[in-house]
């Protein structure tokens, strides 16, 4: 029973990843690395995921904030705003 569920999950992940455009991923990474600071925002479950993503960017040594936190500075030229939505 669990084996069937695991196979189903892996199949769904494979389907999603097969639709990812690697050039867009590379462009996204380059935008992140070029940015002076990064601000992320989202709502609901996707908001929770994007907050985790922003935190990981900070762990990598990048300057990253989550919109809504009291420490977020204003966004200016050279900064990157990442907005995520599941809807």
PDB file of N, CA and C in Angstrom:
ATOM      1  N   UNK A   1       0.825  -1.198   0.000  1.00  0.00           N
ATOM      2  CA  UNK A   1       0.000   0.000   0.000  1.00  0.00           C
ATOM      3  C   UNK A   1       0.869   1.263   0.000  1.00  0.00           C
ATOM      4  N   UNK A   2       1.848   1.303   0.912  1.00  0.00           N
ATOM      5  CA  UNK A   2       2.730   2.468   0.970  1.00  0.00           C
ATOM      6  C   UNK A   2       3.569   2.565  -0.301  1.00  0.00           C
ATOM      7  N   UNK A   3       3.999   1.429  -0.816  1.00  0.00           N
ATOM      8  CA  UNK A   3       4.797   1.411  -2.035  1.00  0.00           C
ATOM      9  C   UNK A   3       4.038   2.038  -3.205  1.00  0.00           C
ATOM     10  N   UNK A   4       2.740   1.776  -3.301  1.00  0.00           N
ATOM     11  CA  UNK A   4       1.917   2.351  -4.362  1.00  0.00           C
ATOM     12  C   UNK A   4       1.828   3.871  -4.187  1.00  0.00           C
ATOM     13  N   UNK A   5       1.663   4.313  -2.958  1.00  0.00           N
ATOM     14  CA  UNK A   5       1.574   5.759  -2.690  1.00  0.00           C
ATOM     15  C   UNK A   5       2.889   6.452  -3.025  1.00  0.00           C
ATOM     16  N   UNK A   6       3.993   5.825  -2.655  1.00  0.00           N
ATOM     17  CA  UNK A   6       5.309   6.401  -2.962  1.00  0.00           C
ATOM     18  C   UNK A   6       5.500   6.494  -4.465  1.00  0.00           C
ATOM     19  N   UNK A   7       5.138   5.462  -5.186  1.00  0.00           N
ATOM     20  CA  UNK A   7       5.259   5.480  -6.645  1.00  0.00           C
ATOM     21  C   UNK A   7       4.386   6.571  -7.255  1.00  0.00           C
ATOM     22  N   UNK A   8       3.188   6.749  -6.710  1.00  0.00           N
ATOM     23  CA  UNK A   8       2.288   7.802  -7.204  1.00  0.00           C
ATOM     24  C   UNK A   8       2.894   9.182  -6.968  1.00  0.00           C
ATOM     25  N   UNK A   9       3.424   9.401  -5.771  1.00  0.00           N
ATOM     26  CA  UNK A   9       4.051  10.692  -5.440  1.00  0.00           C
ATOM     27  C   UNK A   9       5.235  10.952  -6.358  1.00  0.00           C
ATOM     28  N   UNK A  10       6.100   9.965  -6.530  1.00  0.00           N
ATOM     29  CA  UNK A  10       7.268  10.136  -7.392  1.00  0.00           C
ATOM     30  C   UNK A  10       6.860  10.385  -8.839  1.00  0.00           C
ATOM     31  N   UNK A  11       5.802   9.734  -9.284  1.00  0.00           N
ATOM     32  CA  UNK A  11       5.305   9.952 -10.641  1.00  0.00           C
ATOM     33  C   UNK A  11       4.815  11.383 -10.815  1.00  0.00           C
ATOM     34  N   UNK A  12       4.083  11.889  -9.828  1.00  0.00           N
ATOM     35  CA  UNK A  12       3.580  13.264  -9.903  1.00  0.00           C
ATOM     36  C   UNK A  12       4.723  14.272  -9.884  1.00  0.00           C
ATOM     37  N   UNK A  13       5.725  14.025  -9.063  1.00  0.00           N
ATOM     38  CA  UNK A  13       6.896  14.906  -9.030  1.00  0.00           C
ATOM     39  C   UNK A  13       7.592  14.897 -10.381  1.00  0.00           C
ATOM     40  N   UNK A  14       7.732  13.730 -10.968  1.00  0.00           N
ATOM     41  CA  UNK A  14       8.371  13.600 -12.274  1.00  0.00           C
ATOM     42  C   UNK A  14       7.602  14.374 -13.345  1.00  0.00           C
ATOM     43  N   UNK A  15       6.275  14.307 -13.305  1.00  0.00           N
ATOM     44  CA  UNK A  15       5.443  15.037 -14.269  1.00  0.00           C
ATOM     45  C   UNK A  15       5.666  16.536 -14.132  1.00  0.00           C
ATOM     46  N   UNK A  16       5.665  17.027 -12.902  1.00  0.00           N
ATOM     47  CA  UNK A  16       5.873  18.463 -12.667  1.00  0.00           C
ATOM     48  C   UNK A  16       7.258  18.891 -13.139  1.00  0.00           C
ATOM     49  N   UNK A  17       8.286  18.145 -12.756  1.00  0.00           N
ATOM     50  CA  UNK A  17       9.654  18.518 -13.119  1.00  0.00           C
ATOM     51  C   UNK A  17       9.895  18.438 -14.622  1.00  0.00           C
ATOM     52  N   UNK A  18       9.180  17.569 -15.312  1.00  0.00           N
ATOM     53  CA  UNK A  18       9.348  17.465 -16.767  1.00  0.00           C
ATOM     54  C   UNK A  18       8.829  18.709 -17.486  1.00  0.00           C
ATOM     55  N   UNK A  19       8.009  19.498 -16.801  1.00  0.00           N
ATOM     56  CA  UNK A  19       7.446  20.711 -17.403  1.00  0.00           C
ATOM     57  C   UNK A  19       8.260  21.969 -17.078  1.00  0.00           C
ATOM     58  N   UNK A  20       9.305  21.813 -16.291  1.00  0.00           N
ATOM     59  CA  UNK A  20      10.137  22.950 -15.895  1.00  0.00           C
ATOM     60  C   UNK A  20      11.080  23.307 -17.042  1.00  0.00           C
ATOM     61  N   UNK A  21      11.099  24.582 -17.385  1.00  0.00           N
ATOM     62  CA  UNK A  21      11.999  25.090 -18.425  1.00  0.00           C
ATOM     63  C   UNK A  21      13.331  25.439 -17.759  1.00  0.00           C
ATOM     64  N   UNK A  22      14.357  24.667 -18.066  1.00  0.00           N
ATOM     65  CA  UNK A  22      15.660  24.853 -17.417  1.00  0.00           C
ATOM     66  C   UNK A  22      16.260  26.228 -17.698  1.00  0.00           C
ATOM     67  N   UNK A  23      15.990  26.797 -18.865  1.00  0.00           N
ATOM     68  CA  UNK A  23      16.487  28.137 -19.178  1.00  0.00           C
ATOM     69  C   UNK A  23      15.865  29.179 -18.254  1.00  0.00           C
ATOM     70  N   UNK A  24      14.569  29.014 -17.949  1.00  0.00           N
ATOM     71  CA  UNK A  24      13.907  29.948 -17.037  1.00  0.00           C
ATOM     72  C   UNK A  24      14.454  29.806 -15.624  1.00  0.00           C
ATOM     73  N   UNK A  25      14.751  28.582 -15.219  1.00  0.00           N
ATOM     74  CA  UNK A  25      15.332  28.356 -13.892  1.00  0.00           C
ATOM     75  C   UNK A  25      16.683  29.045 -13.800  1.00  0.00           C
ATOM     76  N   UNK A  26      17.507  28.885 -14.839  1.00  0.00           N
ATOM     77  CA  UNK A  26      18.826  29.519 -14.849  1.00  0.00           C
ATOM     78  C   UNK A  26      18.707  31.047 -14.819  1.00  0.00           C
ATOM     79  N   UNK A  27      17.761  31.586 -15.576  1.00  0.00           N
ATOM     80  CA  UNK A  27      17.540  33.032 -15.586  1.00  0.00           C
ATOM     81  C   UNK A  27      17.097  33.522 -14.199  1.00  0.00           C
ATOM     82  N   UNK A  28      16.219  32.762 -13.550  1.00  0.00           N
ATOM     83  CA  UNK A  28      15.749  33.104 -12.206  1.00  0.00           C
ATOM     84  C   UNK A  28      16.910  33.114 -11.212  1.00  0.00           C
ATOM     85  N   UNK A  29      17.751  32.100 -11.278  1.00  0.00           N
ATOM     86  CA  UNK A  29      18.921  32.027 -10.392  1.00  0.00           C
ATOM     87  C   UNK A  29      19.840  33.218 -10.628  1.00  0.00           C
ATOM     88  N   UNK A  30      20.086  33.561 -11.891  1.00  0.00           N
ATOM     89  CA  UNK A  30      20.951  34.695 -12.199  1.00  0.00           C
ATOM     90  C   UNK A  30      20.367  36.004 -11.671  1.00  0.00           C
ATOM     91  N   UNK A  31      19.045  36.172 -11.778  1.00  0.00           N
ATOM     92  CA  UNK A  31      18.401  37.374 -11.233  1.00  0.00           C
ATOM     93  C   UNK A  31      18.589  37.449  -9.720  1.00  0.00           C
ATOM     94  N   UNK A  32      18.440  36.323  -9.062  1.00  0.00           N
ATOM     95  CA  UNK A  32      18.636  36.285  -7.607  1.00  0.00           C
ATOM     96  C   UNK A  32      20.070  36.670  -7.262  1.00  0.00           C
ATOM     97  N   UNK A  33      21.035  36.101  -7.957  1.00  0.00           N
ATOM     98  CA  UNK A  33      22.445  36.357  -7.649  1.00  0.00           C
ATOM     99  C   UNK A  33      22.866  37.786  -7.985  1.00  0.00           C
ATOM    100  N   UNK A  34      22.206  38.416  -8.950  1.00  0.00           N
ATOM    101  CA  UNK A  34      22.524  39.805  -9.339  1.00  0.00           C
ATOM    102  C   UNK A  34      21.924  40.832  -8.388  1.00  0.00           C
ATOM    103  N   UNK A  35      20.940  40.447  -7.634  1.00  0.00           N
ATOM    104  CA  UNK A  35      20.174  41.398  -6.823  1.00  0.00           C
ATOM    105  C   UNK A  35      20.943  41.873  -5.599  1.00  0.00           C
ATOM    106  N   UNK A  36      20.743  43.153  -5.286  1.00  0.00           N
ATOM    107  CA  UNK A  36      21.338  43.704  -4.064  1.00  0.00           C
ATOM    108  C   UNK A  36      20.628  43.120  -2.848  1.00  0.00           C
ATOM    109  N   UNK A  37      19.297  43.130  -2.898  1.00  0.00           N
ATOM    110  CA  UNK A  37      18.511  42.488  -1.850  1.00  0.00           C
ATOM    111  C   UNK A  37      17.274  41.871  -2.488  1.00  0.00           C
ATOM    112  N   UNK A  38      16.726  40.882  -1.802  1.00  0.00           N
ATOM    113  CA  UNK A  38      15.590  40.125  -2.303  1.00  0.00           C
ATOM    114  C   UNK A  38      14.478  40.222  -1.276  1.00  0.00           C
ATOM    115  N   UNK A  39      13.274  40.515  -1.750  1.00  0.00           N
ATOM    116  CA  UNK A  39      12.097  40.538  -0.886  1.00  0.00           C
ATOM    117  C   UNK A  39      11.117  39.520  -1.449  1.00  0.00           C
ATOM    118  N   UNK A  40      10.638  38.622  -0.593  1.00  0.00           N
ATOM    119  CA  UNK A  40       9.685  37.607  -1.028  1.00  0.00           C
ATOM    120  C   UNK A  40       8.333  37.861  -0.373  1.00  0.00           C
ATOM    121  N   UNK A  41       7.266  37.455  -1.071  1.00  0.00           N
ATOM    122  CA  UNK A  41       5.944  37.541  -0.457  1.00  0.00           C
ATOM    123  C   UNK A  41       4.994  36.539  -1.093  1.00  0.00           C
ATOM    124  N   UNK A  42       4.013  36.155  -0.335  1.00  0.00           N
ATOM    125  CA  UNK A  42       2.988  35.225  -0.769  1.00  0.00           C
ATOM    126  C   UNK A  42       1.989  35.059   0.355  1.00  0.00           C
ATOM    127  N   UNK A  43       0.893  34.359   0.081  1.00  0.00           N
ATOM    128  CA  UNK A  43      -0.141  34.157   1.091  1.00  0.00           C
ATOM    129  C   UNK A  43      -0.482  32.677   1.190  1.00  0.00           C
ATOM    130  N   UNK A  44      -1.057  32.295   2.300  1.00  0.00           N
ATOM    131  CA  UNK A  44      -1.494  30.919   2.491  1.00  0.00           C
ATOM    132  C   UNK A  44      -0.341  29.931   2.501  1.00  0.00           C
ATOM    133  N   UNK A  45      -0.611  28.734   1.971  1.00  0.00           N
ATOM    134  CA  UNK A  45       0.423  27.685   1.953  1.00  0.00           C
ATOM    135  C   UNK A  45       1.613  28.082   1.098  1.00  0.00           C
ATOM    136  N   UNK A  46       1.340  28.739  -0.021  1.00  0.00           N
ATOM    137  CA  UNK A  46       2.435  29.196  -0.881  1.00  0.00           C
ATOM    138  C   UNK A  46       3.240  30.275  -0.158  1.00  0.00           C
ATOM    139  N   UNK A  47       2.567  31.098   0.629  1.00  0.00           N
ATOM    140  CA  UNK A  47       3.256  32.113   1.424  1.00  0.00           C
ATOM    141  C   UNK A  47       4.212  31.484   2.420  1.00  0.00           C
ATOM    142  N   UNK A  48       3.777  30.381   3.019  1.00  0.00           N
ATOM    143  CA  UNK A  48       4.663  29.673   3.953  1.00  0.00           C
ATOM    144  C   UNK A  48       5.888  29.141   3.218  1.00  0.00           C
ATOM    145  N   UNK A  49       5.678  28.608   2.019  1.00  0.00           N
ATOM    146  CA  UNK A  49       6.795  28.063   1.235  1.00  0.00           C
ATOM    147  C   UNK A  49       7.755  29.165   0.813  1.00  0.00           C
ATOM    148  N   UNK A  50       7.227  30.304   0.362  1.00  0.00           N
ATOM    149  CA  UNK A  50       8.103  31.386  -0.109  1.00  0.00           C
ATOM    150  C   UNK A  50       8.859  32.013   1.063  1.00  0.00           C
ATOM    151  N   UNK A  51       8.248  32.047   2.248  1.00  0.00           N
ATOM    152  CA  UNK A  51       8.979  32.545   3.423  1.00  0.00           C
ATOM    153  C   UNK A  51      10.158  31.625   3.722  1.00  0.00           C
ATOM    154  N   UNK A  52       9.938  30.317   3.614  1.00  0.00           N
ATOM    155  CA  UNK A  52      11.033  29.364   3.800  1.00  0.00           C
ATOM    156  C   UNK A  52      12.116  29.543   2.753  1.00  0.00           C
ATOM    157  N   UNK A  53      11.695  29.806   1.508  1.00  0.00           N
ATOM    158  CA  UNK A  53      12.655  30.051   0.425  1.00  0.00           C
ATOM    159  C   UNK A  53      13.496  31.284   0.726  1.00  0.00           C
ATOM    160  N   UNK A  54      12.841  32.355   1.166  1.00  0.00           N
ATOM    161  CA  UNK A  54      13.564  33.578   1.521  1.00  0.00           C
ATOM    162  C   UNK A  54      14.563  33.340   2.646  1.00  0.00           C
ATOM    163  N   UNK A  55      14.147  32.538   3.617  1.00  0.00           N
ATOM    164  CA  UNK A  55      15.040  32.222   4.732  1.00  0.00           C
ATOM    165  C   UNK A  55      16.264  31.459   4.237  1.00  0.00           C
ATOM    166  N   UNK A  56      16.051  30.520   3.305  1.00  0.00           N
ATOM    167  CA  UNK A  56      17.167  29.756   2.763  1.00  0.00           C
ATOM    168  C   UNK A  56      18.114  30.641   1.969  1.00  0.00           C
ATOM    169  N   UNK A  57      17.564  31.631   1.260  1.00  0.00           N
ATOM    170  CA  UNK A  57      18.426  32.586   0.553  1.00  0.00           C
ATOM    171  C   UNK A  57      19.328  33.308   1.544  1.00  0.00           C
ATOM    172  N   UNK A  58      18.760  33.680   2.677  1.00  0.00           N
ATOM    173  CA  UNK A  58      19.554  34.301   3.734  1.00  0.00           C
ATOM    174  C   UNK A  58      20.629  33.363   4.262  1.00  0.00           C
ATOM    175  N   UNK A  59      20.276  32.085   4.398  1.00  0.00           N
ATOM    176  CA  UNK A  59      21.263  31.097   4.861  1.00  0.00           C
ATOM    177  C   UNK A  59      22.418  30.970   3.882  1.00  0.00           C
ATOM    178  N   UNK A  60      22.139  31.234   2.599  1.00  0.00           N
ATOM    179  CA  UNK A  60      23.187  31.184   1.574  1.00  0.00           C
ATOM    180  C   UNK A  60      24.049  32.447   1.560  1.00  0.00           C
ATOM    181  N   UNK A  61      23.727  33.393   2.434  1.00  0.00           N
ATOM    182  CA  UNK A  61      24.514  34.616   2.520  1.00  0.00           C
ATOM    183  C   UNK A  61      23.960  35.773   1.708  1.00  0.00           C
ATOM    184  N   UNK A  62      22.794  35.584   1.101  1.00  0.00           N
ATOM    185  CA  UNK A  62      22.173  36.669   0.335  1.00  0.00           C
ATOM    186  C   UNK A  62      21.339  37.545   1.271  1.00  0.00           C
ATOM    187  N   UNK A  63      21.127  38.775   0.898  1.00  0.00           N
ATOM    188  CA  UNK A  63      20.318  39.683   1.688  1.00  0.00           C
ATOM    189  C   UNK A  63      18.862  39.487   1.279  1.00  0.00           C
ATOM    190  N   UNK A  64      18.086  38.852   2.149  1.00  0.00           N
ATOM    191  CA  UNK A  64      16.709  38.504   1.806  1.00  0.00           C
ATOM    192  C   UNK A  64      15.765  38.850   2.949  1.00  0.00           C
ATOM    193  N   UNK A  65      14.560  39.298   2.577  1.00  0.00           N
ATOM    194  CA  UNK A  65      13.533  39.693   3.528  1.00  0.00           C
ATOM    195  C   UNK A  65      12.189  39.099   3.113  1.00  0.00           C
ATOM    196  N   UNK A  66      11.267  39.028   4.068  1.00  0.00           N
ATOM    197  CA  UNK A  66       9.902  38.619   3.783  1.00  0.00           C
ATOM    198  C   UNK A  66       8.997  39.828   3.972  1.00  0.00           C
ATOM    199  N   UNK A  67       8.230  40.152   2.935  1.00  0.00           N
ATOM    200  CA  UNK A  67       7.324  41.292   2.998  1.00  0.00           C
ATOM    201  C   UNK A  67       6.373  41.106   4.171  1.00  0.00           C
ATOM    202  N   UNK A  68       6.201  42.152   4.940  1.00  0.00           N
ATOM    203  CA  UNK A  68       5.340  42.094   6.117  1.00  0.00           C
ATOM    204  C   UNK A  68       6.129  42.090   7.413  1.00  0.00           C
ATOM    205  N   UNK A  69       7.390  41.666   7.359  1.00  0.00           N
ATOM    206  CA  UNK A  69       8.242  41.726   8.549  1.00  0.00           C
ATOM    207  C   UNK A  69       8.567  43.184   8.843  1.00  0.00           C
ATOM    208  N   UNK A  70       8.799  43.493  10.107  1.00  0.00           N
ATOM    209  CA  UNK A  70       9.058  44.878  10.497  1.00  0.00           C
ATOM    210  C   UNK A  70      10.431  45.373  10.061  1.00  0.00           C
ATOM    211  N   UNK A  71      11.309  44.491   9.631  1.00  0.00           N
ATOM    212  CA  UNK A  71      12.672  44.895   9.274  1.00  0.00           C
ATOM    213  C   UNK A  71      12.874  45.078   7.765  1.00  0.00           C
ATOM    214  N   UNK A  72      11.820  44.955   6.962  1.00  0.00           N
ATOM    215  CA  UNK A  72      11.972  45.032   5.509  1.00  0.00           C
ATOM    216  C   UNK A  72      12.245  46.472   5.079  1.00  0.00           C
ATOM    217  N   UNK A  73      13.385  46.721   4.447  1.00  0.00           N
ATOM    218  CA  UNK A  73      13.657  48.066   3.938  1.00  0.00           C
ATOM    219  C   UNK A  73      12.886  48.290   2.629  1.00  0.00           C
ATOM    220  N   UNK A  74      12.867  49.517   2.182  1.00  0.00           N
ATOM    221  CA  UNK A  74      12.190  49.792   0.914  1.00  0.00           C
ATOM    222  C   UNK A  74      12.956  49.139  -0.233  1.00  0.00           C
ATOM    223  N   UNK A  75      12.214  48.845  -1.287  1.00  0.00           N
ATOM    224  CA  UNK A  75      12.802  48.233  -2.472  1.00  0.00           C
ATOM    225  C   UNK A  75      13.271  49.340  -3.400  1.00  0.00           C
ATOM    226  N   UNK A  76      14.442  49.149  -3.996  1.00  0.00           N
ATOM    227  CA  UNK A  76      14.957  50.156  -4.914  1.00  0.00           C
ATOM    228  C   UNK A  76      15.578  49.471  -6.129  1.00  0.00           C
ATOM    229  N   UNK A  77      16.102  50.275  -7.027  1.00  0.00           N
ATOM    230  CA  UNK A  77      16.712  49.743  -8.246  1.00  0.00           C
ATOM    231  C   UNK A  77      17.808  48.740  -7.879  1.00  0.00           C
ATOM    232  N   UNK A  78      17.816  47.604  -8.564  1.00  0.00           N
ATOM    233  CA  UNK A  78      18.798  46.563  -8.310  1.00  0.00           C
ATOM    234  C   UNK A  78      18.319  45.506  -7.342  1.00  0.00           C
ATOM    235  N   UNK A  79      17.120  45.716  -6.761  1.00  0.00           N
ATOM    236  CA  UNK A  79      16.538  44.739  -5.838  1.00  0.00           C
ATOM    237  C   UNK A  79      15.568  43.826  -6.603  1.00  0.00           C
ATOM    238  N   UNK A  80      15.218  42.730  -5.981  1.00  0.00           N
ATOM    239  CA  UNK A  80      14.326  41.764  -6.610  1.00  0.00           C
ATOM    240  C   UNK A  80      13.158  41.464  -5.683  1.00  0.00           C
ATOM    241  N   UNK A  81      11.936  41.578  -6.213  1.00  0.00           N
ATOM    242  CA  UNK A  81      10.736  41.203  -5.481  1.00  0.00           C
ATOM    243  C   UNK A  81      10.221  39.905  -6.086  1.00  0.00           C
ATOM    244  N   UNK A  82      10.104  38.874  -5.260  1.00  0.00           N
ATOM    245  CA  UNK A  82       9.587  37.577  -5.708  1.00  0.00           C
ATOM    246  C   UNK A  82       8.225  37.376  -5.077  1.00  0.00           C
ATOM    247  N   UNK A  83       7.205  37.266  -5.915  1.00  0.00           N
ATOM    248  CA  UNK A  83       5.837  37.062  -5.444  1.00  0.00           C
ATOM    249  C   UNK A  83       5.399  35.670  -5.887  1.00  0.00           C
ATOM    250  N   UNK A  84       4.887  34.897  -4.939  1.00  0.00           N
ATOM    251  CA  UNK A  84       4.435  33.542  -5.253  1.00  0.00           C
ATOM    252  C   UNK A  84       2.954  33.414  -4.938  1.00  0.00           C
ATOM    253  N   UNK A  85       2.238  32.727  -5.817  1.00  0.00           N
ATOM    254  CA  UNK A  85       0.796  32.533  -5.628  1.00  0.00           C
ATOM    255  C   UNK A  85       0.389  31.170  -6.154  1.00  0.00           C
ATOM    256  N   UNK A  86      -0.477  30.513  -5.442  1.00  0.00           N
ATOM    257  CA  UNK A  86      -0.988  29.229  -5.888  1.00  0.00           C
ATOM    258  C   UNK A  86      -2.282  29.364  -6.656  1.00  0.00           C
ATOM    259  N   UNK A  87      -2.817  30.578  -6.741  1.00  0.00           N
ATOM    260  CA  UNK A  87      -4.116  30.766  -7.413  1.00  0.00           C
ATOM    261  C   UNK A  87      -3.946  31.356  -8.802  1.00  0.00           C
TER     262      UNK A  87
END
